[in-house]
Amino acid sequence: MITVTYVSVDNVRKRRQFKTLTGASRWAREWIGNHPEIGMGYAVSGDGVGTIYVSGATLEQLFPSK
């Protein structure tokens, strides 16, 4: 099971669980875009408003560079 958590600067929190990497990646990209800044354990949208955390997969799997 892959758990993806979205947190915004105004403290909006959303968490979803997925059985597939495809579904998890699609949902994460809807919230912070296709090319976020990837840090140590989190990915941040280009405008800095939203952050994604993931367990059960890696950020590189959710946001491949290709």
PDB file of N, CA and C in Angstrom:
ATOM      1  N   MET A   1       0.844  -1.173   0.000  1.00  0.00           N
ATOM      2  CA  MET A   1       0.000   0.000   0.000  1.00  0.00           C
ATOM      3  C   MET A   1       0.892   1.239   0.000  1.00  0.00           C
ATOM      4  N   ILE A   2       0.543   2.209  -0.816  1.00  0.00           N
ATOM      5  CA  ILE A   2       1.290   3.461  -0.920  1.00  0.00           C
ATOM      6  C   ILE A   2       0.434   4.561  -0.298  1.00  0.00           C
ATOM      7  N   THR A   3       0.980   5.292   0.642  1.00  0.00           N
ATOM      8  CA  THR A   3       0.277   6.403   1.275  1.00  0.00           C
ATOM      9  C   THR A   3       0.924   7.704   0.844  1.00  0.00           C
ATOM     10  N   VAL A   4       0.102   8.611   0.300  1.00  0.00           N
ATOM     11  CA  VAL A   4       0.581   9.920  -0.136  1.00  0.00           C
ATOM     12  C   VAL A   4      -0.144  10.976   0.692  1.00  0.00           C
ATOM     13  N   THR A   5       0.625  11.889   1.263  1.00  0.00           N
ATOM     14  CA  THR A   5       0.068  12.956   2.078  1.00  0.00           C
ATOM     15  C   THR A   5       0.437  14.296   1.457  1.00  0.00           C
ATOM     16  N   TYR A   6      -0.566  15.152   1.313  1.00  0.00           N
ATOM     17  CA  TYR A   6      -0.372  16.519   0.819  1.00  0.00           C
ATOM     18  C   TYR A   6      -0.592  17.475   1.983  1.00  0.00           C
ATOM     19  N   VAL A   7       0.315  18.445   2.138  1.00  0.00           N
ATOM     20  CA  VAL A   7       0.176  19.477   3.162  1.00  0.00           C
ATOM     21  C   VAL A   7       0.476  20.812   2.497  1.00  0.00           C
ATOM     22  N   SER A   8      -0.410  21.799   2.711  1.00  0.00           N
ATOM     23  CA  SER A   8      -0.175  23.124   2.138  1.00  0.00           C
ATOM     24  C   SER A   8       0.289  24.089   3.229  1.00  0.00           C
ATOM     25  N   VAL A   9       0.755  25.267   2.814  1.00  0.00           N
ATOM     26  CA  VAL A   9       1.249  26.253   3.767  1.00  0.00           C
ATOM     27  C   VAL A   9       0.139  26.770   4.677  1.00  0.00           C
ATOM     28  N   ASP A  10      -1.117  26.712   4.218  1.00  0.00           N
ATOM     29  CA  ASP A  10      -2.226  27.140   5.071  1.00  0.00           C
ATOM     30  C   ASP A  10      -2.837  25.958   5.827  1.00  0.00           C
ATOM     31  N   ASN A  11      -2.056  24.875   5.939  1.00  0.00           N
ATOM     32  CA  ASN A  11      -2.356  23.701   6.759  1.00  0.00           C
ATOM     33  C   ASN A  11      -3.520  22.847   6.261  1.00  0.00           C
ATOM     34  N   VAL A  12      -3.765  22.850   4.950  1.00  0.00           N
ATOM     35  CA  VAL A  12      -4.695  21.887   4.373  1.00  0.00           C
ATOM     36  C   VAL A  12      -3.959  20.557   4.306  1.00  0.00           C
ATOM     37  N   ARG A  13      -4.581  19.510   4.796  1.00  0.00           N
ATOM     38  CA  ARG A  13      -3.961  18.178   4.792  1.00  0.00           C
ATOM     39  C   ARG A  13      -4.898  17.192   4.122  1.00  0.00           C
ATOM     40  N   LYS A  14      -4.347  16.436   3.180  1.00  0.00           N
ATOM     41  CA  LYS A  14      -5.105  15.392   2.497  1.00  0.00           C
ATOM     42  C   LYS A  14      -4.223  14.158   2.433  1.00  0.00           C
ATOM     43  N   ARG A  15      -4.814  13.007   2.694  1.00  0.00           N
ATOM     44  CA  ARG A  15      -4.057  11.755   2.671  1.00  0.00           C
ATOM     45  C   ARG A  15      -4.875  10.718   1.918  1.00  0.00           C
ATOM     46  N   ARG A  16      -4.206  10.014   1.007  1.00  0.00           N
ATOM     47  CA  ARG A  16      -4.867   8.935   0.269  1.00  0.00           C
ATOM     48  C   ARG A  16      -3.954   7.736   0.215  1.00  0.00           C
ATOM     49  N   GLN A  17      -4.569   6.571   0.131  1.00  0.00           N
ATOM     50  CA  GLN A  17      -3.816   5.332  -0.016  1.00  0.00           C
ATOM     51  C   GLN A  17      -4.115   4.736  -1.383  1.00  0.00           C
ATOM     52  N   PHE A  18      -3.088   4.133  -1.978  1.00  0.00           N
ATOM     53  CA  PHE A  18      -3.185   3.590  -3.329  1.00  0.00           C
ATOM     54  C   PHE A  18      -2.593   2.194  -3.377  1.00  0.00           C
ATOM     55  N   LYS A  19      -3.154   1.384  -4.244  1.00  0.00           N
ATOM     56  CA  LYS A  19      -2.609   0.043  -4.477  1.00  0.00           C
ATOM     57  C   LYS A  19      -1.554   0.067  -5.566  1.00  0.00           C
ATOM     58  N   THR A  20      -1.616   1.083  -6.448  1.00  0.00           N
ATOM     59  CA  THR A  20      -0.681   1.141  -7.570  1.00  0.00           C
ATOM     60  C   THR A  20       0.147   2.421  -7.550  1.00  0.00           C
ATOM     61  N   LEU A  21       1.333   2.321  -8.080  1.00  0.00           N
ATOM     62  CA  LEU A  21       2.203   3.484  -8.218  1.00  0.00           C
ATOM     63  C   LEU A  21       1.604   4.494  -9.191  1.00  0.00           C
ATOM     64  N   THR A  22       0.938   4.018 -10.221  1.00  0.00           N
ATOM     65  CA  THR A  22       0.325   4.907 -11.216  1.00  0.00           C
ATOM     66  C   THR A  22      -0.707   5.822 -10.562  1.00  0.00           C
ATOM     67  N   GLY A  23      -1.574   5.261  -9.755  1.00  0.00           N
ATOM     68  CA  GLY A  23      -2.597   6.061  -9.081  1.00  0.00           C
ATOM     69  C   GLY A  23      -1.997   7.050  -8.106  1.00  0.00           C
ATOM     70  N   ALA A  24      -1.001   6.614  -7.352  1.00  0.00           N
ATOM     71  CA  ALA A  24      -0.345   7.491  -6.382  1.00  0.00           C
ATOM     72  C   ALA A  24       0.361   8.642  -7.085  1.00  0.00           C
ATOM     73  N   SER A  25       1.042   8.347  -8.166  1.00  0.00           N
ATOM     74  CA  SER A  25       1.756   9.376  -8.919  1.00  0.00           C
ATOM     75  C   SER A  25       0.789  10.382  -9.526  1.00  0.00           C
ATOM     76  N   ARG A  26      -0.287   9.911 -10.091  1.00  0.00           N
ATOM     77  CA  ARG A  26      -1.286  10.795 -10.702  1.00  0.00           C
ATOM     78  C   ARG A  26      -1.851  11.761  -9.659  1.00  0.00           C
ATOM     79  N   TRP A  27      -2.224  11.241  -8.493  1.00  0.00           N
ATOM     80  CA  TRP A  27      -2.813  12.080  -7.449  1.00  0.00           C
ATOM     81  C   TRP A  27      -1.804  13.113  -6.942  1.00  0.00           C
ATOM     82  N   ALA A  28      -0.568  12.688  -6.711  1.00  0.00           N
ATOM     83  CA  ALA A  28       0.469  13.609  -6.233  1.00  0.00           C
ATOM     84  C   ALA A  28       0.724  14.721  -7.243  1.00  0.00           C
ATOM     85  N   ARG A  29       0.749  14.383  -8.522  1.00  0.00           N
ATOM     86  CA  ARG A  29       0.991  15.374  -9.571  1.00  0.00           C
ATOM     87  C   ARG A  29      -0.166  16.364  -9.686  1.00  0.00           C
ATOM     88  N   GLU A  30      -1.380  15.912  -9.416  1.00  0.00           N
ATOM     89  CA  GLU A  30      -2.525  16.820  -9.427  1.00  0.00           C
ATOM     90  C   GLU A  30      -2.364  17.917  -8.374  1.00  0.00           C
ATOM     91  N   TRP A  31      -1.731  17.580  -7.265  1.00  0.00           N
ATOM     92  CA  TRP A  31      -1.611  18.530  -6.163  1.00  0.00           C
ATOM     93  C   TRP A  31      -0.398  19.434  -6.260  1.00  0.00           C
ATOM     94  N   ILE A  32       0.740  18.931  -6.750  1.00  0.00           N
ATOM     95  CA  ILE A  32       1.928  19.803  -6.766  1.00  0.00           C
ATOM     96  C   ILE A  32       2.609  19.920  -8.125  1.00  0.00           C
ATOM     97  N   GLY A  33       2.058  19.321  -9.151  1.00  0.00           N
ATOM     98  CA  GLY A  33       2.625  19.471 -10.486  1.00  0.00           C
ATOM     99  C   GLY A  33       3.585  18.353 -10.852  1.00  0.00           C
ATOM    100  N   ASN A  34       4.018  18.396 -12.096  1.00  0.00           N
ATOM    101  CA  ASN A  34       4.857  17.333 -12.652  1.00  0.00           C
ATOM    102  C   ASN A  34       6.333  17.432 -12.296  1.00  0.00           C
ATOM    103  N   HIS A  35       6.801  18.632 -11.940  1.00  0.00           N
ATOM    104  CA  HIS A  35       8.234  18.841 -11.722  1.00  0.00           C
ATOM    105  C   HIS A  35       8.498  19.560 -10.404  1.00  0.00           C
ATOM    106  N   PRO A  36       8.201  18.912  -9.275  1.00  0.00           N
ATOM    107  CA  PRO A  36       8.436  19.566  -7.986  1.00  0.00           C
ATOM    108  C   PRO A  36       9.919  19.552  -7.617  1.00  0.00           C
ATOM    109  N   GLU A  37      10.241  20.348  -6.628  1.00  0.00           N
ATOM    110  CA  GLU A  37      11.578  20.308  -6.032  1.00  0.00           C
ATOM    111  C   GLU A  37      11.572  19.160  -5.028  1.00  0.00           C
ATOM    112  N   ILE A  38      12.492  18.220  -5.183  1.00  0.00           N
ATOM    113  CA  ILE A  38      12.524  17.067  -4.291  1.00  0.00           C
ATOM    114  C   ILE A  38      13.615  17.270  -3.250  1.00  0.00           C
ATOM    115  N   GLY A  39      13.191  17.219  -1.993  1.00  0.00           N
ATOM    116  CA  GLY A  39      14.105  17.362  -0.871  1.00  0.00           C
ATOM    117  C   GLY A  39      14.333  16.015  -0.216  1.00  0.00           C
ATOM    118  N   MET A  40      14.786  16.043   0.999  1.00  0.00           N
ATOM    119  CA  MET A  40      15.067  14.825   1.752  1.00  0.00           C
ATOM    120  C   MET A  40      13.768  14.338   2.389  1.00  0.00           C
ATOM    121  N   GLY A  41      13.026  13.479   1.685  1.00  0.00           N
ATOM    122  CA  GLY A  41      11.802  12.918   2.239  1.00  0.00           C
ATOM    123  C   GLY A  41      10.527  13.661   1.891  1.00  0.00           C
ATOM    124  N   TYR A  42      10.618  14.668   1.040  1.00  0.00           N
ATOM    125  CA  TYR A  42       9.435  15.425   0.651  1.00  0.00           C
ATOM    126  C   TYR A  42       9.634  16.038  -0.735  1.00  0.00           C
ATOM    127  N   ALA A  43       8.522  16.425  -1.362  1.00  0.00           N
ATOM    128  CA  ALA A  43       8.569  17.122  -2.647  1.00  0.00           C
ATOM    129  C   ALA A  43       7.709  18.377  -2.515  1.00  0.00           C
ATOM    130  N   VAL A  44       8.202  19.504  -3.017  1.00  0.00           N
ATOM    131  CA  VAL A  44       7.527  20.794  -2.875  1.00  0.00           C
ATOM    132  C   VAL A  44       7.159  21.321  -4.251  1.00  0.00           C
ATOM    133  N   SER A  45       5.948  21.870  -4.350  1.00  0.00           N
ATOM    134  CA  SER A  45       5.498  22.462  -5.611  1.00  0.00           C
ATOM    135  C   SER A  45       6.387  23.647  -5.980  1.00  0.00           C
ATOM    136  N   GLY A  46       6.400  24.003  -7.248  1.00  0.00           N
ATOM    137  CA  GLY A  46       7.227  25.101  -7.735  1.00  0.00           C
ATOM    138  C   GLY A  46       6.933  26.425  -7.070  1.00  0.00           C
ATOM    139  N   ASP A  47       5.677  26.657  -6.678  1.00  0.00           N
ATOM    140  CA  ASP A  47       5.309  27.912  -6.020  1.00  0.00           C
ATOM    141  C   ASP A  47       5.496  27.857  -4.504  1.00  0.00           C
ATOM    142  N   GLY A  48       5.885  26.696  -3.982  1.00  0.00           N
ATOM    143  CA  GLY A  48       6.159  26.558  -2.565  1.00  0.00           C
ATOM    144  C   GLY A  48       4.939  26.393  -1.676  1.00  0.00           C
ATOM    145  N   VAL A  49       3.764  26.262  -2.271  1.00  0.00           N
ATOM    146  CA  VAL A  49       2.529  26.186  -1.489  1.00  0.00           C
ATOM    147  C   VAL A  49       2.267  24.789  -0.948  1.00  0.00           C
ATOM    148  N   GLY A  50       2.528  23.752  -1.739  1.00  0.00           N
ATOM    149  CA  GLY A  50       2.185  22.389  -1.339  1.00  0.00           C
ATOM    150  C   GLY A  50       3.388  21.488  -1.198  1.00  0.00           C
ATOM    151  N   THR A  51       3.277  20.533  -0.288  1.00  0.00           N
ATOM    152  CA  THR A  51       4.326  19.549  -0.045  1.00  0.00           C
ATOM    153  C   THR A  51       3.707  18.161  -0.041  1.00  0.00           C
ATOM    154  N   ILE A  52       4.403  17.212  -0.650  1.00  0.00           N
ATOM    155  CA  ILE A  52       3.967  15.817  -0.688  1.00  0.00           C
ATOM    156  C   ILE A  52       4.951  14.967   0.110  1.00  0.00           C
ATOM    157  N   TYR A  53       4.392  14.065   0.915  1.00  0.00           N
ATOM    158  CA  TYR A  53       5.166  13.043   1.624  1.00  0.00           C
ATOM    159  C   TYR A  53       4.620  11.696   1.176  1.00  0.00           C
ATOM    160  N   VAL A  54       5.469  10.691   1.119  1.00  0.00           N
ATOM    161  CA  VAL A  54       5.021   9.370   0.655  1.00  0.00           C
ATOM    162  C   VAL A  54       5.644   8.268   1.501  1.00  0.00           C
ATOM    163  N   SER A  55       4.865   7.203   1.708  1.00  0.00           N
ATOM    164  CA  SER A  55       5.417   5.983   2.300  1.00  0.00           C
ATOM    165  C   SER A  55       4.952   4.816   1.446  1.00  0.00           C
ATOM    166  N   GLY A  56       5.770   3.800   1.355  1.00  0.00           N
ATOM    167  CA  GLY A  56       5.456   2.643   0.521  1.00  0.00           C
ATOM    168  C   GLY A  56       5.976   2.770  -0.898  1.00  0.00           C
ATOM    169  N   ALA A  57       6.590   3.892  -1.214  1.00  0.00           N
ATOM    170  CA  ALA A  57       7.217   4.161  -2.518  1.00  0.00           C
ATOM    171  C   ALA A  57       8.223   5.281  -2.290  1.00  0.00           C
ATOM    172  N   THR A  58       8.956   5.623  -3.330  1.00  0.00           N
ATOM    173  CA  THR A  58       9.894   6.746  -3.220  1.00  0.00           C
ATOM    174  C   THR A  58       9.362   7.940  -3.995  1.00  0.00           C
ATOM    175  N   LEU A  59       9.872   9.092  -3.664  1.00  0.00           N
ATOM    176  CA  LEU A  59       9.489  10.297  -4.410  1.00  0.00           C
ATOM    177  C   LEU A  59       9.961  10.211  -5.848  1.00  0.00           C
ATOM    178  N   GLU A  60      11.085   9.573  -6.073  1.00  0.00           N
ATOM    179  CA  GLU A  60      11.599   9.407  -7.433  1.00  0.00           C
ATOM    180  C   GLU A  60      10.662   8.531  -8.263  1.00  0.00           C
ATOM    181  N   GLN A  61       9.976   7.586  -7.626  1.00  0.00           N
ATOM    182  CA  GLN A  61       9.004   6.767  -8.343  1.00  0.00           C
ATOM    183  C   GLN A  61       7.753   7.577  -8.668  1.00  0.00           C
ATOM    184  N   LEU A  62       7.331   8.455  -7.769  1.00  0.00           N
ATOM    185  CA  LEU A  62       6.148   9.278  -8.016  1.00  0.00           C
ATOM    186  C   LEU A  62       6.411  10.348  -9.072  1.00  0.00           C
ATOM    187  N   PHE A  63       7.626  10.893  -9.062  1.00  0.00           N
ATOM    188  CA  PHE A  63       7.989  11.987  -9.962  1.00  0.00           C
ATOM    189  C   PHE A  63       9.255  11.624 -10.732  1.00  0.00           C
ATOM    190  N   PRO A  64       9.165  10.656 -11.663  1.00  0.00           N
ATOM    191  CA  PRO A  64      10.372  10.283 -12.421  1.00  0.00           C
ATOM    192  C   PRO A  64      10.853  11.465 -13.279  1.00  0.00           C
ATOM    193  N   SER A  65      12.150  11.535 -13.504  1.00  0.00           N
ATOM    194  CA  SER A  65      12.712  12.660 -14.259  1.00  0.00           C
ATOM    195  C   SER A  65      12.407  12.586 -15.751  1.00  0.00           C
ATOM    196  N   LYS A  66      11.967  11.459 -16.243  1.00  0.00           N
ATOM    197  CA  LYS A  66      11.665  11.321 -17.672  1.00  0.00           C
ATOM    198  C   LYS A  66      10.377  11.984 -18.019  1.00  0.00           C
TER     199      LYS A  66
END
